């Protein structure tokens, strides 16, 4: 959680989100695992039993009066697929989801960190896990790029360019956005057609800093 906290704080600062909120969310996000540690790989054993750490974490947050905005990140950090979870509803929740998945999911043999994070973001978008966040395509790109740099720093890896297949997708989408009067970029690769519309501002959120 400390490594994740360092990464999300760096990413949030780079994209104009709330760094301290992201850090707090990262430190609390898996708190529910202390209820049944035998169910999780962090115990050093083969996990046994259902994964209910999000629901358990929310109960602990209620018991110890954790602030609502931090509790929301506990609820949303794995999306609606988790027991007791829900889809990310803020830029901070997207950052936490992407950063955790980038840290936890296995990299393919020889896969550069840039392509690994791009795959994580694309898979999450295609699975519909980011639609309710209100994050624009441009914001997702910035989160991805900042996450790549933060992961490289954490792992002391050298920078490497994205493969042409990723660059070609971005080039096509940038050109399409330039031709669009609204300037709204298109969907991530693999997204459903109705996900291409700009969702607008998130309820209750203020304007984000422009890149």
N, C-alpha and C. Protein backbone atom coordinates (compact mmCIF):
# COMPACT_ATOMS: atom_id res chain seq x y z
N UNK A 1 0.82 -1.21 0.00
CA UNK A 1 0.00 0.00 0.00
C UNK A 1 0.86 1.27 0.00
N UNK A 2 2.04 1.20 0.61
CA UNK A 2 2.91 2.38 0.61
C UNK A 2 3.42 2.67 -0.80
N UNK A 3 3.82 1.61 -1.52
CA UNK A 3 4.27 1.80 -2.90
C UNK A 3 3.14 2.35 -3.75
N UNK A 4 1.94 1.80 -3.58
CA UNK A 4 0.78 2.29 -4.33
C UNK A 4 0.48 3.74 -3.96
N UNK A 5 0.57 4.07 -2.68
CA UNK A 5 0.31 5.44 -2.24
C UNK A 5 1.28 6.42 -2.89
N UNK A 6 2.55 6.04 -2.98
CA UNK A 6 3.54 6.90 -3.63
C UNK A 6 3.21 7.13 -5.10
N UNK A 7 2.78 6.06 -5.76
CA UNK A 7 2.48 6.15 -7.19
C UNK A 7 1.24 7.01 -7.43
N UNK A 8 0.15 6.76 -6.70
CA UNK A 8 -1.08 7.51 -6.97
C UNK A 8 -0.93 8.98 -6.60
N UNK A 9 -0.14 9.28 -5.58
CA UNK A 9 0.08 10.68 -5.23
C UNK A 9 0.82 11.40 -6.35
N UNK A 10 1.81 10.73 -6.92
CA UNK A 10 2.56 11.31 -8.04
C UNK A 10 1.68 11.50 -9.26
N UNK A 11 0.86 10.49 -9.57
CA UNK A 11 -0.02 10.57 -10.74
C UNK A 11 -1.06 11.67 -10.55
N UNK A 12 -1.66 11.73 -9.37
CA UNK A 12 -2.68 12.75 -9.11
C UNK A 12 -2.12 14.15 -9.27
N UNK A 13 -0.92 14.37 -8.77
CA UNK A 13 -0.29 15.68 -8.89
C UNK A 13 -0.05 16.03 -10.36
N UNK A 14 0.29 15.01 -11.16
CA UNK A 14 0.60 15.25 -12.57
C UNK A 14 -0.64 15.56 -13.40
N UNK A 15 -1.80 15.02 -13.02
CA UNK A 15 -3.00 15.18 -13.84
C UNK A 15 -4.01 16.16 -13.27
N UNK A 16 -3.70 16.78 -12.13
CA UNK A 16 -4.61 17.77 -11.57
C UNK A 16 -5.69 17.22 -10.68
N UNK A 17 -5.51 16.00 -10.16
CA UNK A 17 -6.44 15.43 -9.18
C UNK A 17 -5.96 15.81 -7.78
N UNK A 18 -6.54 15.19 -6.75
CA UNK A 18 -6.19 15.52 -5.37
C UNK A 18 -5.14 14.52 -4.84
N UNK A 19 -3.88 14.91 -4.75
CA UNK A 19 -2.82 13.97 -4.37
C UNK A 19 -3.00 13.35 -2.98
N UNK A 20 -3.36 14.16 -1.99
CA UNK A 20 -3.48 13.63 -0.63
C UNK A 20 -4.68 12.71 -0.49
N UNK A 21 -5.75 13.00 -1.21
CA UNK A 21 -6.91 12.10 -1.20
C UNK A 21 -6.55 10.76 -1.83
N UNK A 22 -5.83 10.81 -2.94
CA UNK A 22 -5.39 9.57 -3.58
C UNK A 22 -4.48 8.77 -2.66
N UNK A 23 -3.58 9.46 -1.98
CA UNK A 23 -2.68 8.76 -1.07
C UNK A 23 -3.45 8.10 0.07
N UNK A 24 -4.39 8.82 0.65
CA UNK A 24 -5.19 8.25 1.73
C UNK A 24 -5.99 7.06 1.24
N UNK A 25 -6.56 7.18 0.04
CA UNK A 25 -7.32 6.07 -0.52
C UNK A 25 -6.47 4.84 -0.73
N UNK A 26 -5.23 5.05 -1.18
CA UNK A 26 -4.32 3.91 -1.40
C UNK A 26 -3.96 3.23 -0.08
N UNK A 27 -3.79 4.01 0.97
CA UNK A 27 -3.42 3.44 2.27
C UNK A 27 -4.58 2.68 2.91
N UNK A 28 -5.81 3.07 2.59
CA UNK A 28 -6.98 2.43 3.18
C UNK A 28 -7.64 1.39 2.27
N UNK A 29 -7.30 1.36 0.99
CA UNK A 29 -8.13 0.64 0.02
C UNK A 29 -8.32 -0.84 0.32
N UNK A 30 -7.30 -1.49 0.87
CA UNK A 30 -7.39 -2.93 1.17
C UNK A 30 -7.53 -3.23 2.66
N UNK A 31 -7.99 -2.26 3.42
CA UNK A 31 -8.06 -2.45 4.88
C UNK A 31 -8.95 -3.63 5.25
N UNK A 32 -9.94 -3.93 4.41
CA UNK A 32 -10.85 -5.02 4.71
C UNK A 32 -10.18 -6.39 4.71
N UNK A 33 -8.98 -6.48 4.17
CA UNK A 33 -8.30 -7.79 4.13
C UNK A 33 -7.83 -8.24 5.50
N UNK A 34 -7.80 -7.35 6.46
CA UNK A 34 -7.37 -7.77 7.80
C UNK A 34 -8.45 -8.61 8.49
N UNK A 35 -9.69 -8.57 7.97
CA UNK A 35 -10.76 -9.34 8.57
C UNK A 35 -10.58 -10.85 8.33
N UNK A 36 -10.15 -11.21 7.11
CA UNK A 36 -9.95 -12.61 6.75
C UNK A 36 -8.66 -12.72 5.94
N UNK A 37 -7.51 -12.56 6.56
CA UNK A 37 -6.25 -12.55 5.81
C UNK A 37 -5.97 -13.84 5.04
N UNK A 38 -6.55 -14.96 5.49
CA UNK A 38 -6.29 -16.22 4.81
C UNK A 38 -6.88 -16.27 3.40
N UNK A 39 -7.74 -15.31 3.08
CA UNK A 39 -8.36 -15.28 1.76
C UNK A 39 -7.52 -14.57 0.71
N UNK A 40 -6.37 -14.04 1.11
CA UNK A 40 -5.60 -13.18 0.21
C UNK A 40 -4.14 -13.61 0.12
N UNK A 41 -3.57 -13.39 -1.04
CA UNK A 41 -2.19 -13.84 -1.30
C UNK A 41 -1.18 -13.13 -0.41
N UNK A 42 -1.54 -11.94 0.11
CA UNK A 42 -0.61 -11.21 0.97
C UNK A 42 -0.26 -12.00 2.24
N UNK A 43 -1.09 -12.98 2.59
CA UNK A 43 -0.82 -13.79 3.78
C UNK A 43 0.31 -14.78 3.55
N UNK A 44 0.74 -14.90 2.29
CA UNK A 44 1.80 -15.86 1.96
C UNK A 44 1.29 -17.26 1.72
N UNK A 45 -0.04 -17.41 1.72
CA UNK A 45 -0.64 -18.70 1.49
C UNK A 45 -1.55 -18.66 0.26
N UNK A 46 -1.97 -19.81 -0.21
CA UNK A 46 -2.92 -19.87 -1.30
C UNK A 46 -4.26 -19.33 -0.80
N UNK A 47 -4.84 -18.33 -1.48
CA UNK A 47 -6.09 -17.74 -1.00
C UNK A 47 -7.21 -18.76 -0.89
N UNK A 48 -7.97 -18.68 0.19
CA UNK A 48 -9.09 -19.60 0.43
C UNK A 48 -10.31 -18.77 0.82
N UNK A 49 -11.44 -19.01 0.13
CA UNK A 49 -12.67 -18.32 0.49
C UNK A 49 -12.97 -17.15 -0.43
N UNK A 50 -14.16 -16.59 -0.34
CA UNK A 50 -14.57 -15.48 -1.22
C UNK A 50 -13.84 -14.18 -0.90
N UNK A 51 -13.71 -13.34 -1.92
CA UNK A 51 -13.07 -12.04 -1.75
C UNK A 51 -14.13 -11.01 -1.36
N UNK A 52 -14.15 -10.66 -0.09
CA UNK A 52 -15.14 -9.69 0.41
C UNK A 52 -14.45 -8.48 1.04
N UNK A 53 -13.20 -8.21 0.61
CA UNK A 53 -12.43 -7.19 1.32
C UNK A 53 -13.00 -5.78 1.15
N UNK A 54 -13.68 -5.51 0.03
CA UNK A 54 -14.26 -4.18 -0.16
C UNK A 54 -15.40 -3.97 0.83
N UNK A 55 -16.31 -4.94 0.91
CA UNK A 55 -17.44 -4.83 1.84
C UNK A 55 -16.94 -4.76 3.29
N UNK A 56 -15.94 -5.60 3.62
CA UNK A 56 -15.39 -5.58 4.98
C UNK A 56 -14.69 -4.26 5.26
N UNK A 57 -14.00 -3.74 4.27
CA UNK A 57 -13.32 -2.46 4.43
C UNK A 57 -14.28 -1.32 4.68
N UNK A 58 -15.42 -1.34 4.00
CA UNK A 58 -16.43 -0.30 4.21
C UNK A 58 -17.00 -0.35 5.62
N UNK A 59 -17.18 -1.55 6.13
CA UNK A 59 -17.65 -1.68 7.51
C UNK A 59 -16.65 -1.09 8.50
N UNK A 60 -15.36 -1.35 8.27
CA UNK A 60 -14.33 -0.79 9.14
C UNK A 60 -14.30 0.74 9.02
N UNK A 61 -14.47 1.23 7.81
CA UNK A 61 -14.49 2.68 7.61
C UNK A 61 -15.64 3.32 8.38
N UNK A 62 -16.79 2.67 8.36
CA UNK A 62 -17.93 3.18 9.12
C UNK A 62 -17.64 3.15 10.62
N UNK A 63 -17.06 2.03 11.07
CA UNK A 63 -16.80 1.87 12.50
C UNK A 63 -15.85 2.93 13.01
N UNK A 64 -14.82 3.24 12.22
CA UNK A 64 -13.79 4.18 12.68
C UNK A 64 -13.93 5.57 12.07
N UNK A 65 -15.10 5.82 11.47
CA UNK A 65 -15.45 7.16 10.97
C UNK A 65 -14.43 7.72 9.99
N UNK A 66 -14.05 6.90 9.07
CA UNK A 66 -13.16 7.35 7.99
C UNK A 66 -13.94 8.35 7.11
N UNK A 67 -13.34 9.44 6.70
CA UNK A 67 -14.05 10.44 5.88
C UNK A 67 -14.70 9.83 4.64
N UNK A 68 -15.82 10.41 4.24
CA UNK A 68 -16.61 9.86 3.13
C UNK A 68 -15.84 9.79 1.82
N UNK A 69 -14.99 10.81 1.53
CA UNK A 69 -14.29 10.79 0.25
C UNK A 69 -13.24 9.67 0.20
N UNK A 70 -12.65 9.35 1.35
CA UNK A 70 -11.72 8.22 1.40
C UNK A 70 -12.50 6.91 1.32
N UNK A 71 -13.62 6.85 2.01
CA UNK A 71 -14.47 5.66 1.98
C UNK A 71 -14.94 5.37 0.55
N UNK A 72 -15.21 6.41 -0.21
CA UNK A 72 -15.63 6.23 -1.60
C UNK A 72 -14.54 5.53 -2.42
N UNK A 73 -13.29 5.85 -2.15
CA UNK A 73 -12.19 5.20 -2.87
C UNK A 73 -12.06 3.74 -2.46
N UNK A 74 -12.31 3.43 -1.21
CA UNK A 74 -12.33 2.03 -0.77
C UNK A 74 -13.42 1.28 -1.54
N UNK A 75 -14.56 1.90 -1.70
CA UNK A 75 -15.69 1.26 -2.38
C UNK A 75 -15.44 1.09 -3.87
N UNK A 76 -14.71 2.02 -4.48
CA UNK A 76 -14.62 2.07 -5.94
C UNK A 76 -13.31 1.56 -6.52
N UNK A 77 -12.34 1.18 -5.68
CA UNK A 77 -11.00 0.93 -6.22
C UNK A 77 -10.90 -0.31 -7.10
N UNK A 78 -11.88 -1.22 -7.02
CA UNK A 78 -11.89 -2.37 -7.93
C UNK A 78 -13.12 -2.38 -8.82
N UNK A 79 -13.89 -1.32 -8.79
CA UNK A 79 -15.07 -1.23 -9.63
C UNK A 79 -16.23 -2.04 -9.08
N UNK A 80 -17.28 -2.14 -9.90
CA UNK A 80 -18.51 -2.79 -9.47
C UNK A 80 -18.38 -4.31 -9.39
N UNK A 81 -17.32 -4.87 -9.93
CA UNK A 81 -17.18 -6.33 -9.92
C UNK A 81 -16.89 -6.86 -8.51
N UNK A 82 -16.41 -6.00 -7.62
CA UNK A 82 -16.09 -6.43 -6.26
C UNK A 82 -17.35 -6.48 -5.41
N UNK A 83 -17.40 -7.42 -4.45
CA UNK A 83 -18.52 -7.51 -3.52
C UNK A 83 -18.57 -6.22 -2.69
N UNK A 84 -19.66 -5.49 -2.79
CA UNK A 84 -19.80 -4.22 -2.09
C UNK A 84 -19.21 -3.04 -2.83
N UNK A 85 -18.65 -3.27 -4.00
CA UNK A 85 -18.00 -2.20 -4.75
C UNK A 85 -18.94 -1.50 -5.71
N UNK A 86 -18.42 -0.44 -6.31
CA UNK A 86 -19.15 0.28 -7.34
C UNK A 86 -18.15 0.87 -8.32
N UNK A 87 -18.64 1.26 -9.49
CA UNK A 87 -17.76 1.82 -10.52
C UNK A 87 -17.11 3.12 -10.04
N UNK A 88 -15.88 3.38 -10.46
CA UNK A 88 -15.22 4.63 -10.08
C UNK A 88 -16.07 5.84 -10.46
N UNK A 89 -16.21 6.76 -9.53
CA UNK A 89 -17.03 7.94 -9.77
C UNK A 89 -16.26 9.23 -9.72
N UNK A 90 -14.95 9.15 -9.75
CA UNK A 90 -14.12 10.35 -9.70
C UNK A 90 -12.79 10.08 -10.37
N UNK A 91 -12.08 11.14 -10.68
CA UNK A 91 -10.75 11.00 -11.27
C UNK A 91 -9.82 10.29 -10.30
N UNK A 92 -9.95 10.57 -9.02
CA UNK A 92 -9.10 9.94 -8.01
C UNK A 92 -9.32 8.43 -7.97
N UNK A 93 -10.59 8.00 -8.11
CA UNK A 93 -10.89 6.56 -8.10
C UNK A 93 -10.31 5.88 -9.33
N UNK A 94 -10.35 6.55 -10.47
CA UNK A 94 -9.75 5.99 -11.69
C UNK A 94 -8.25 5.82 -11.51
N UNK A 95 -7.61 6.83 -10.95
CA UNK A 95 -6.16 6.75 -10.71
C UNK A 95 -5.83 5.56 -9.83
N UNK A 96 -6.59 5.38 -8.75
CA UNK A 96 -6.34 4.27 -7.84
C UNK A 96 -6.57 2.94 -8.52
N UNK A 97 -7.65 2.82 -9.29
CA UNK A 97 -7.94 1.56 -9.99
C UNK A 97 -6.83 1.21 -10.99
N UNK A 98 -6.43 2.20 -11.80
CA UNK A 98 -5.42 1.95 -12.82
C UNK A 98 -4.07 1.64 -12.20
N UNK A 99 -3.69 2.40 -11.18
CA UNK A 99 -2.38 2.19 -10.55
C UNK A 99 -2.31 0.83 -9.86
N UNK A 100 -3.39 0.46 -9.14
CA UNK A 100 -3.37 -0.84 -8.47
C UNK A 100 -3.32 -1.98 -9.47
N UNK A 101 -4.13 -1.89 -10.53
CA UNK A 101 -4.12 -2.94 -11.55
C UNK A 101 -2.77 -3.02 -12.24
N UNK A 102 -2.12 -1.89 -12.45
CA UNK A 102 -0.81 -1.88 -13.10
C UNK A 102 0.25 -2.52 -12.20
N UNK A 103 0.13 -2.31 -10.90
CA UNK A 103 1.07 -2.92 -9.95
C UNK A 103 0.81 -4.41 -9.78
N UNK A 104 -0.46 -4.81 -9.74
CA UNK A 104 -0.81 -6.18 -9.36
C UNK A 104 -0.89 -7.15 -10.52
N UNK A 105 -1.29 -6.67 -11.69
CA UNK A 105 -1.47 -7.60 -12.82
C UNK A 105 -0.12 -7.99 -13.40
N UNK A 106 0.03 -9.23 -13.82
CA UNK A 106 1.33 -9.69 -14.34
C UNK A 106 1.66 -9.06 -15.69
N UNK A 107 2.92 -8.74 -15.86
CA UNK A 107 3.39 -8.26 -17.16
C UNK A 107 3.79 -9.44 -18.03
N UNK A 108 3.51 -9.33 -19.30
CA UNK A 108 3.90 -10.36 -20.25
C UNK A 108 5.42 -10.38 -20.38
N UNK A 109 6.01 -11.52 -20.73
CA UNK A 109 7.47 -11.59 -20.86
C UNK A 109 7.99 -10.53 -21.84
N UNK A 110 8.92 -9.71 -21.37
CA UNK A 110 9.52 -8.68 -22.20
C UNK A 110 8.64 -7.47 -22.45
N UNK A 111 7.50 -7.38 -21.79
CA UNK A 111 6.58 -6.27 -22.02
C UNK A 111 7.06 -5.01 -21.31
N UNK A 112 7.31 -3.92 -22.04
CA UNK A 112 7.70 -2.66 -21.39
C UNK A 112 6.58 -2.15 -20.50
N UNK A 113 6.93 -1.39 -19.49
CA UNK A 113 5.92 -0.88 -18.55
C UNK A 113 4.92 0.02 -19.26
N UNK A 114 5.34 0.74 -20.30
CA UNK A 114 4.41 1.62 -21.02
C UNK A 114 3.30 0.83 -21.68
N UNK A 115 3.64 -0.31 -22.29
CA UNK A 115 2.63 -1.13 -22.94
C UNK A 115 1.77 -1.87 -21.92
N UNK A 116 2.38 -2.22 -20.81
CA UNK A 116 1.62 -2.89 -19.76
C UNK A 116 0.53 -1.98 -19.22
N UNK A 117 0.87 -0.73 -18.91
CA UNK A 117 -0.12 0.21 -18.37
C UNK A 117 -1.16 0.55 -19.44
N UNK A 118 -0.73 0.71 -20.68
CA UNK A 118 -1.69 0.97 -21.76
C UNK A 118 -2.70 -0.17 -21.87
N UNK A 119 -2.24 -1.39 -21.72
CA UNK A 119 -3.13 -2.55 -21.79
C UNK A 119 -4.12 -2.55 -20.61
N UNK A 120 -3.62 -2.20 -19.42
CA UNK A 120 -4.49 -2.14 -18.24
C UNK A 120 -5.60 -1.12 -18.45
N UNK A 121 -5.26 0.07 -18.93
CA UNK A 121 -6.25 1.12 -19.14
C UNK A 121 -7.25 0.71 -20.21
N UNK A 122 -6.74 0.18 -21.33
CA UNK A 122 -7.64 -0.23 -22.41
C UNK A 122 -8.59 -1.34 -21.98
N UNK A 123 -8.07 -2.31 -21.23
CA UNK A 123 -8.91 -3.42 -20.76
C UNK A 123 -9.99 -2.91 -19.81
N UNK A 124 -9.61 -2.00 -18.90
CA UNK A 124 -10.58 -1.45 -17.94
C UNK A 124 -11.66 -0.66 -18.67
N UNK A 125 -11.27 0.10 -19.67
CA UNK A 125 -12.23 0.90 -20.42
C UNK A 125 -13.16 0.00 -21.22
N UNK A 126 -12.59 -0.99 -21.90
CA UNK A 126 -13.39 -1.90 -22.72
C UNK A 126 -14.37 -2.70 -21.88
N UNK A 127 -14.00 -2.99 -20.62
CA UNK A 127 -14.87 -3.75 -19.73
C UNK A 127 -15.95 -2.87 -19.10
N UNK A 128 -15.94 -1.57 -19.40
CA UNK A 128 -16.95 -0.67 -18.86
C UNK A 128 -16.69 -0.23 -17.44
N UNK A 129 -15.47 -0.41 -16.95
CA UNK A 129 -15.19 -0.09 -15.55
C UNK A 129 -14.94 1.40 -15.31
N UNK A 130 -14.81 2.17 -16.40
CA UNK A 130 -14.47 3.58 -16.24
C UNK A 130 -15.56 4.53 -16.75
N UNK A 131 -16.66 3.99 -17.27
CA UNK A 131 -17.66 4.84 -17.91
C UNK A 131 -18.29 5.85 -16.96
N UNK A 132 -18.49 5.48 -15.70
CA UNK A 132 -19.20 6.36 -14.76
C UNK A 132 -18.29 7.37 -14.07
N UNK A 133 -17.01 7.31 -14.37
CA UNK A 133 -16.06 8.18 -13.67
C UNK A 133 -16.12 9.62 -14.15
N UNK A 134 -16.61 9.83 -15.36
CA UNK A 134 -16.59 11.17 -15.93
C UNK A 134 -15.24 11.56 -16.50
N UNK A 135 -14.28 10.63 -16.48
CA UNK A 135 -12.95 10.94 -17.02
C UNK A 135 -13.01 10.99 -18.54
N UNK A 136 -12.45 12.03 -19.11
CA UNK A 136 -12.41 12.15 -20.56
C UNK A 136 -11.28 11.28 -21.11
N UNK A 137 -11.30 11.11 -22.44
CA UNK A 137 -10.23 10.35 -23.08
C UNK A 137 -8.87 11.00 -22.80
N UNK A 138 -8.83 12.32 -22.87
CA UNK A 138 -7.57 13.03 -22.63
C UNK A 138 -7.08 12.80 -21.20
N UNK A 139 -8.01 12.79 -20.25
CA UNK A 139 -7.61 12.54 -18.86
C UNK A 139 -7.08 11.12 -18.68
N UNK A 140 -7.70 10.15 -19.36
CA UNK A 140 -7.22 8.78 -19.27
C UNK A 140 -5.82 8.65 -19.84
N UNK A 141 -5.56 9.35 -20.93
CA UNK A 141 -4.21 9.33 -21.49
C UNK A 141 -3.20 9.91 -20.51
N UNK A 142 -3.58 11.03 -19.87
CA UNK A 142 -2.65 11.64 -18.92
C UNK A 142 -2.42 10.75 -17.70
N UNK A 143 -3.48 10.10 -17.24
CA UNK A 143 -3.33 9.15 -16.12
C UNK A 143 -2.40 8.02 -16.52
N UNK A 144 -2.62 7.48 -17.71
CA UNK A 144 -1.77 6.38 -18.18
C UNK A 144 -0.30 6.80 -18.25
N UNK A 145 -0.04 7.94 -18.87
CA UNK A 145 1.34 8.39 -19.04
C UNK A 145 2.01 8.69 -17.70
N UNK A 146 1.25 9.33 -16.80
CA UNK A 146 1.81 9.64 -15.48
C UNK A 146 2.05 8.37 -14.68
N UNK A 147 1.17 7.39 -14.84
CA UNK A 147 1.34 6.11 -14.15
C UNK A 147 2.57 5.37 -14.67
N UNK A 148 2.79 5.44 -15.95
CA UNK A 148 4.00 4.83 -16.53
C UNK A 148 5.25 5.42 -15.91
N UNK A 149 5.30 6.75 -15.85
CA UNK A 149 6.49 7.40 -15.29
C UNK A 149 6.66 7.08 -13.81
N UNK A 150 5.55 7.05 -13.06
CA UNK A 150 5.64 6.75 -11.63
C UNK A 150 6.09 5.31 -11.40
N UNK A 151 5.60 4.39 -12.22
CA UNK A 151 6.02 2.99 -12.09
C UNK A 151 7.48 2.81 -12.45
N UNK A 152 7.93 3.52 -13.47
CA UNK A 152 9.35 3.45 -13.84
C UNK A 152 10.22 3.94 -12.68
N UNK A 153 9.80 5.02 -12.06
CA UNK A 153 10.56 5.57 -10.94
C UNK A 153 10.56 4.59 -9.77
N UNK A 154 9.41 3.98 -9.50
CA UNK A 154 9.29 3.03 -8.40
C UNK A 154 10.18 1.80 -8.63
N UNK A 155 10.25 1.36 -9.89
CA UNK A 155 10.98 0.14 -10.21
C UNK A 155 12.37 0.42 -10.80
N UNK A 156 12.71 1.69 -10.90
CA UNK A 156 14.02 2.09 -11.43
C UNK A 156 14.25 1.53 -12.84
N UNK A 157 13.23 1.65 -13.69
CA UNK A 157 13.32 1.14 -15.05
C UNK A 157 13.62 2.28 -16.01
N UNK A 158 14.30 1.93 -17.09
CA UNK A 158 14.60 2.91 -18.12
C UNK A 158 13.36 3.17 -18.97
N UNK A 159 13.29 4.37 -19.53
CA UNK A 159 12.17 4.70 -20.41
C UNK A 159 12.30 3.95 -21.72
N UNK A 160 11.16 3.62 -22.31
CA UNK A 160 11.14 2.97 -23.62
C UNK A 160 9.92 3.45 -24.37
N UNK A 161 10.00 3.54 -25.71
CA UNK A 161 8.87 4.06 -26.47
C UNK A 161 7.74 3.04 -26.57
N UNK A 162 6.51 3.56 -26.76
CA UNK A 162 5.39 2.68 -27.04
C UNK A 162 5.57 2.05 -28.42
N UNK A 163 5.09 0.82 -28.58
CA UNK A 163 5.13 0.18 -29.88
C UNK A 163 4.24 0.95 -30.86
N UNK A 164 4.53 0.78 -32.13
CA UNK A 164 3.81 1.51 -33.16
C UNK A 164 2.30 1.26 -33.10
N UNK A 165 1.87 0.05 -32.69
CA UNK A 165 0.44 -0.24 -32.65
C UNK A 165 -0.29 0.69 -31.69
N UNK A 166 0.35 1.04 -30.56
CA UNK A 166 -0.26 1.96 -29.61
C UNK A 166 -0.20 3.39 -30.14
N UNK A 167 0.93 3.76 -30.73
CA UNK A 167 1.09 5.11 -31.26
C UNK A 167 0.11 5.35 -32.39
N UNK A 168 -0.12 4.34 -33.25
CA UNK A 168 -1.03 4.49 -34.38
C UNK A 168 -2.46 4.73 -33.90
N UNK A 169 -2.86 4.05 -32.84
CA UNK A 169 -4.20 4.25 -32.29
C UNK A 169 -4.34 5.67 -31.79
N UNK A 170 -3.35 6.16 -31.06
CA UNK A 170 -3.42 7.52 -30.53
C UNK A 170 -3.41 8.55 -31.66
N UNK A 171 -2.57 8.31 -32.68
CA UNK A 171 -2.49 9.27 -33.78
C UNK A 171 -3.85 9.39 -34.47
N UNK A 172 -4.51 8.25 -34.71
CA UNK A 172 -5.81 8.27 -35.37
C UNK A 172 -6.85 8.99 -34.52
N UNK A 173 -6.80 8.78 -33.21
CA UNK A 173 -7.78 9.41 -32.34
C UNK A 173 -7.54 10.91 -32.19
N UNK A 174 -6.27 11.31 -32.18
CA UNK A 174 -5.95 12.74 -32.12
C UNK A 174 -6.44 13.44 -33.39
N UNK A 175 -6.23 12.81 -34.54
CA UNK A 175 -6.69 13.39 -35.80
C UNK A 175 -8.21 13.48 -35.83
N UNK A 176 -8.88 12.43 -35.31
CA UNK A 176 -10.35 12.45 -35.28
C UNK A 176 -10.85 13.54 -34.35
N UNK A 177 -10.18 13.73 -33.22
CA UNK A 177 -10.58 14.77 -32.28
C UNK A 177 -10.39 16.16 -32.88
N UNK A 178 -9.32 16.31 -33.66
CA UNK A 178 -9.05 17.61 -34.28
C UNK A 178 -10.14 17.98 -35.29
N UNK A 179 -10.72 16.94 -35.92
CA UNK A 179 -11.77 17.18 -36.90
C UNK A 179 -13.14 17.33 -36.26
N UNK A 180 -13.21 17.07 -34.99
CA UNK A 180 -14.48 17.13 -34.26
C UNK A 180 -14.62 18.53 -33.66
N UNK A 181 -15.71 19.21 -33.96
CA UNK A 181 -15.88 20.57 -33.46
C UNK A 181 -15.83 20.65 -31.95
N UNK A 182 -16.32 19.60 -31.29
CA UNK A 182 -16.33 19.62 -29.83
C UNK A 182 -14.96 19.37 -29.25
N UNK A 183 -14.06 18.79 -30.07
CA UNK A 183 -12.71 18.51 -29.58
C UNK A 183 -12.65 17.36 -28.61
N UNK A 184 -13.74 16.56 -28.50
CA UNK A 184 -13.76 15.45 -27.56
C UNK A 184 -13.13 14.23 -28.21
N UNK A 185 -12.08 13.65 -27.63
CA UNK A 185 -11.46 12.47 -28.21
C UNK A 185 -12.43 11.30 -28.23
N UNK A 186 -12.14 10.32 -29.10
CA UNK A 186 -12.98 9.14 -29.21
C UNK A 186 -12.74 8.16 -28.09
N UNK A 187 -13.42 7.00 -28.17
CA UNK A 187 -13.31 6.02 -27.10
C UNK A 187 -11.97 5.31 -27.11
N UNK A 188 -11.65 4.69 -25.98
CA UNK A 188 -10.47 3.86 -25.92
C UNK A 188 -10.67 2.67 -26.83
N UNK A 189 -9.57 2.03 -27.33
CA UNK A 189 -9.72 0.83 -28.14
C UNK A 189 -10.53 -0.22 -27.40
N UNK A 190 -11.52 -0.80 -28.13
CA UNK A 190 -12.33 -1.84 -27.53
C UNK A 190 -13.57 -1.34 -26.83
N UNK A 191 -13.76 0.01 -26.78
CA UNK A 191 -14.92 0.55 -26.08
C UNK A 191 -16.16 0.41 -26.95
N UNK A 192 -17.32 0.37 -26.36
CA UNK A 192 -18.57 0.30 -27.10
C UNK A 192 -18.86 1.66 -27.69
N UNK A 193 -19.60 1.70 -28.83
CA UNK A 193 -19.83 2.99 -29.50
C UNK A 193 -20.47 4.04 -28.62
N UNK A 194 -21.42 3.65 -27.74
CA UNK A 194 -22.11 4.65 -26.94
C UNK A 194 -21.26 5.22 -25.83
N UNK A 195 -20.04 4.73 -25.68
CA UNK A 195 -19.15 5.25 -24.65
C UNK A 195 -18.32 6.41 -25.15
N UNK A 196 -18.50 6.78 -26.44
CA UNK A 196 -17.62 7.79 -27.01
C UNK A 196 -18.02 9.21 -26.64
N UNK A 197 -19.24 9.38 -26.18
CA UNK A 197 -19.68 10.74 -25.85
C UNK A 197 -18.99 11.23 -24.60
N UNK A 198 -18.74 12.53 -24.60
CA UNK A 198 -18.13 13.12 -23.42
C UNK A 198 -19.12 13.10 -22.27
N UNK A 199 -18.84 12.46 -21.15
CA UNK A 199 -19.80 12.37 -20.05
C UNK A 199 -19.99 13.66 -19.29
N UNK A 200 -19.16 14.67 -19.56
CA UNK A 200 -19.31 15.93 -18.87
C UNK A 200 -18.73 15.88 -17.48
N UNK A 201 -18.93 16.94 -16.71
CA UNK A 201 -18.33 16.99 -15.37
C UNK A 201 -18.96 15.98 -14.44
N UNK A 202 -18.18 15.54 -13.48
CA UNK A 202 -18.68 14.61 -12.47
C UNK A 202 -19.55 15.37 -11.49
N UNK A 203 -20.63 14.73 -11.01
CA UNK A 203 -21.49 15.42 -10.03
C UNK A 203 -20.70 15.87 -8.82
N UNK A 204 -20.83 17.14 -8.48
CA UNK A 204 -20.19 17.66 -7.28
C UNK A 204 -18.72 17.96 -7.44
N UNK A 205 -18.19 17.81 -8.66
CA UNK A 205 -16.76 18.04 -8.82
C UNK A 205 -16.52 19.39 -9.46
N UNK A 206 -15.43 20.00 -9.11
CA UNK A 206 -15.06 21.27 -9.70
C UNK A 206 -14.21 21.06 -10.94
N UNK A 207 -13.83 22.12 -11.61
CA UNK A 207 -13.03 21.98 -12.82
C UNK A 207 -11.64 21.45 -12.49
N UNK A 208 -11.09 20.65 -13.40
CA UNK A 208 -9.74 20.14 -13.25
C UNK A 208 -8.78 21.05 -13.99
N UNK A 209 -7.54 21.01 -13.58
CA UNK A 209 -6.54 21.84 -14.25
C UNK A 209 -6.29 21.33 -15.66
N UNK A 210 -6.16 22.22 -16.58
CA UNK A 210 -5.88 21.81 -17.95
C UNK A 210 -4.45 21.34 -18.05
N UNK A 211 -4.25 20.41 -18.99
CA UNK A 211 -2.89 19.90 -19.19
C UNK A 211 -2.11 20.85 -20.07
